[in-house]
Amino acid sequence: MFVLAELKDTVRIPPWEFKRKLNDAITDELNRKLANKVYLNVGLCIALHDITKIEESYIFPGDGASHTKVITLGFFEDIVIPPNKLQHPSRFDQMEQAWVWEYDTGDGEKHDLFMDAGEIIRFRVVNESFTETLPTGPNVSGESVEKSEAKNISPYTLGGAIDEPGLGLLTWWENT
């Protein structure tokens, strides 16, 4: 089970980050601060889902950084459902860039049910993978591609399946 938790925090943005958009700087700082940590009565924070409110920024005497109060939603985004765990038979439609379940109507006909990105689904967790990751620092120009790809490793990934009755897009099962 996943929980979408609302957190309120004051984010410190160092002066060298002022050239960036405020939302981008806050998002990076919150992910650096919160991701891959366990919080009391919440659980493992995986990633920032959304920033719902940004208040005014303040610069305190003796500190050149801005301090901004934000309210965020942290949620899990690394769920992978491999093709062999989709409803059978399924195929990938290159034109639509979406997976399609070729549903057998029972009278020898097939009805295409598209699995569009962003749709709400019900799935079963079949495996989980936790990878120890180190905190990421600021990007260094001239950094190799291998190093930047290594930084994008997800600390926690779930493998899912929608290959059983009742699983998949909620719209498939609304009227049953």
Protein backbone atom coordinates (compact mmCIF):
# COMPACT_ATOMS: atom_id res chain seq x y z
CA MET A 1 0.00 0.00 0.00
CA PHE A 2 1.20 3.50 -0.81
CA VAL A 3 0.39 6.65 1.07
CA LEU A 4 0.35 10.13 -0.37
CA ALA A 5 1.59 12.26 2.53
CA GLU A 6 1.36 16.03 2.77
CA LEU A 7 4.46 17.57 4.32
CA LYS A 8 5.24 21.17 5.24
CA ASP A 9 8.86 22.28 5.34
CA THR A 10 11.11 25.29 4.97
CA VAL A 11 13.51 24.79 2.09
CA ARG A 12 16.89 26.51 2.04
CA ILE A 13 18.00 27.49 -1.47
CA PRO A 14 21.70 28.46 -1.63
CA PRO A 15 22.61 31.66 -3.55
CA TRP A 16 24.23 29.81 -6.48
CA GLU A 17 20.79 28.24 -7.20
CA PHE A 18 19.07 31.65 -7.60
CA LYS A 19 19.60 31.57 -11.38
CA ARG A 20 17.26 28.56 -11.65
CA LYS A 21 13.47 28.63 -11.59
CA LEU A 22 12.25 28.57 -7.99
CA ASN A 23 10.07 25.46 -8.52
CA ASP A 24 12.99 23.51 -10.01
CA ALA A 25 15.37 24.52 -7.21
CA ILE A 26 12.80 23.62 -4.53
CA THR A 27 12.00 20.27 -6.20
CA ASP A 28 15.67 19.28 -6.37
CA GLU A 29 16.32 20.36 -2.79
CA LEU A 30 13.26 18.49 -1.46
CA ASN A 31 14.19 15.32 -3.35
CA ARG A 32 17.75 15.59 -2.01
CA LYS A 33 16.44 16.15 1.53
CA LEU A 34 13.49 13.73 1.70
CA ALA A 35 13.97 10.89 -0.80
CA ASN A 36 15.14 7.50 0.45
CA LYS A 37 14.46 8.35 4.09
CA VAL A 38 12.01 6.80 6.56
CA TYR A 39 9.65 9.16 8.41
CA LEU A 40 7.68 8.41 11.59
CA ASN A 41 4.01 7.57 10.90
CA VAL A 42 4.59 7.98 7.14
CA GLY A 43 7.10 5.35 6.00
CA LEU A 44 9.73 5.40 3.29
CA CYS A 45 9.60 8.59 1.25
CA ILE A 46 10.36 7.68 -2.34
CA ALA A 47 9.97 10.87 -4.34
CA LEU A 48 8.29 14.23 -4.46
CA HIS A 49 4.92 14.05 -6.19
CA ASP A 50 3.82 17.69 -6.22
CA ILE A 51 4.40 21.06 -4.60
CA THR A 52 0.97 22.33 -3.57
CA LYS A 53 1.91 25.67 -2.03
CA ILE A 54 4.95 27.95 -2.04
CA GLU A 55 5.01 30.84 0.40
CA GLU A 56 7.22 33.92 0.33
CA SER A 57 10.98 33.49 0.47
CA TYR A 58 13.11 35.11 3.17
CA ILE A 59 16.84 35.85 3.38
CA PHE A 60 18.09 35.93 6.96
CA PRO A 61 20.97 38.15 8.17
CA GLY A 62 24.30 36.34 7.95
CA ASP A 63 22.90 33.74 5.52
CA GLY A 64 22.79 34.50 1.81
CA ALA A 65 20.38 31.66 1.04
CA SER A 66 16.64 32.08 0.60
CA HIS A 67 14.30 30.19 2.92
CA THR A 68 10.89 29.26 1.47
CA LYS A 69 8.01 27.47 3.21
CA VAL A 70 6.43 24.82 0.97
CA ILE A 71 3.71 22.18 1.21
CA THR A 72 4.42 19.06 -0.82
CA LEU A 73 2.95 15.69 -1.68
CA GLY A 74 5.41 12.79 -1.67
CA PHE A 75 4.46 9.66 -3.59
CA PHE A 76 5.93 6.60 -5.18
CA GLU A 77 6.51 6.70 -8.94
CA ASP A 78 8.68 3.67 -9.75
CA ILE A 79 6.18 0.92 -10.54
CA VAL A 80 7.06 -1.31 -13.51
CA ILE A 81 4.61 -3.67 -15.19
CA PRO A 82 6.44 -5.79 -17.81
CA PRO A 83 4.64 -6.84 -21.02
CA ASN A 84 4.31 -10.46 -19.87
CA LYS A 85 2.29 -9.27 -16.85
CA LEU A 86 -0.36 -7.46 -18.96
CA GLN A 87 -3.77 -8.97 -19.81
CA HIS A 88 -3.43 -11.62 -22.56
CA PRO A 89 -3.27 -11.13 -25.50
CA SER A 90 -1.75 -7.65 -25.48
CA ARG A 91 0.29 -5.79 -28.08
CA PHE A 92 2.02 -2.43 -28.37
CA ASP A 93 0.42 -0.06 -30.90
CA GLN A 94 3.20 2.01 -32.48
CA MET A 95 0.80 4.60 -33.92
CA GLU A 96 -0.93 5.29 -30.58
CA GLN A 97 2.21 4.66 -28.50
CA ALA A 98 0.11 2.62 -26.08
CA TRP A 99 -0.41 -0.99 -25.04
CA VAL A 100 -3.65 -2.61 -26.24
CA TRP A 101 -5.48 -5.54 -24.66
CA GLU A 102 -7.18 -7.53 -27.43
CA TYR A 103 -10.25 -8.49 -25.39
CA ASP A 104 -12.17 -11.53 -26.65
CA THR A 105 -15.89 -10.66 -26.59
CA GLY A 106 -16.90 -14.34 -26.61
CA ASP A 107 -18.45 -14.33 -30.09
CA GLY A 108 -15.13 -14.64 -31.91
CA GLU A 109 -14.66 -10.88 -32.13
CA LYS A 110 -11.85 -8.93 -30.50
CA HIS A 111 -12.32 -5.52 -28.89
CA ASP A 112 -9.23 -3.31 -28.45
CA LEU A 113 -8.91 -1.82 -24.95
CA PHE A 114 -6.17 0.81 -24.90
CA MET A 115 -3.89 1.34 -21.88
CA ASP A 116 -3.13 5.04 -22.18
CA ALA A 117 -0.48 6.71 -20.03
CA GLY A 118 -1.88 8.53 -17.01
CA GLU A 119 -4.93 6.27 -16.61
CA ILE A 120 -5.76 4.97 -13.13
CA ILE A 121 -5.18 1.22 -12.80
CA ARG A 122 -5.55 -1.52 -10.22
CA PHE A 123 -2.54 -3.84 -10.09
CA ARG A 124 -1.02 -6.61 -8.01
CA VAL A 125 2.49 -6.28 -6.58
CA VAL A 126 4.58 -9.28 -7.65
CA ASN A 127 8.04 -8.17 -6.50
CA GLU A 128 9.90 -5.31 -4.92
CA SER A 129 13.47 -4.14 -5.22
CA PHE A 130 15.32 -1.90 -2.78
CA THR A 131 18.64 -0.48 -3.99
CA GLU A 132 20.96 1.34 -1.62
CA THR A 133 21.64 4.77 -3.07
CA LEU A 134 23.89 7.54 -1.94
CA PRO A 135 22.68 11.14 -1.70
CA THR A 136 23.23 13.03 -4.94
CA GLY A 137 25.20 16.23 -5.07
CA PRO A 138 25.05 19.08 -7.55
CA ASN A 139 25.77 18.33 -11.22
CA VAL A 140 29.36 18.91 -12.25
CA SER A 141 29.93 20.08 -15.81
CA GLY A 142 31.90 17.58 -17.84
CA GLU A 143 30.50 14.70 -15.80
CA SER A 144 30.46 11.42 -17.71
CA VAL A 145 27.20 9.91 -18.95
CA GLU A 146 27.74 6.78 -16.84
CA LYS A 147 27.91 8.83 -13.66
CA SER A 148 24.77 10.82 -14.48
CA GLU A 149 22.88 7.60 -15.32
CA ALA A 150 24.04 6.02 -12.06
CA LYS A 151 22.48 8.95 -10.18
CA ASN A 152 19.08 8.13 -11.73
CA ILE A 153 18.80 4.71 -10.07
CA SER A 154 15.54 4.39 -8.17
CA PRO A 155 16.03 3.41 -4.51
CA TYR A 156 12.79 1.39 -4.43
CA THR A 157 11.00 -0.24 -7.37
CA LEU A 158 7.88 -2.38 -7.47
CA GLY A 159 7.08 -4.96 -10.11
CA GLY A 160 3.38 -5.20 -10.83
CA ALA A 161 0.91 -7.33 -12.77
CA ILE A 162 -2.49 -6.66 -14.33
CA ASP A 163 -2.96 -10.10 -15.89
CA GLU A 164 -5.90 -11.23 -13.72
CA PRO A 165 -9.65 -10.49 -13.80
CA GLY A 166 -10.46 -7.19 -12.10
CA LEU A 167 -6.97 -5.77 -12.63
CA GLY A 168 -5.99 -3.12 -15.15
CA LEU A 169 -7.66 0.16 -16.03
CA LEU A 170 -10.54 0.96 -13.69
CA THR A 171 -12.62 2.02 -16.71
CA TRP A 172 -12.53 -1.59 -17.98
CA TRP A 173 -14.41 -2.82 -14.92
CA GLU A 174 -16.77 0.10 -14.13
CA ASN A 175 -19.95 -1.47 -15.49
CA THR A 176 -19.36 -5.07 -14.45
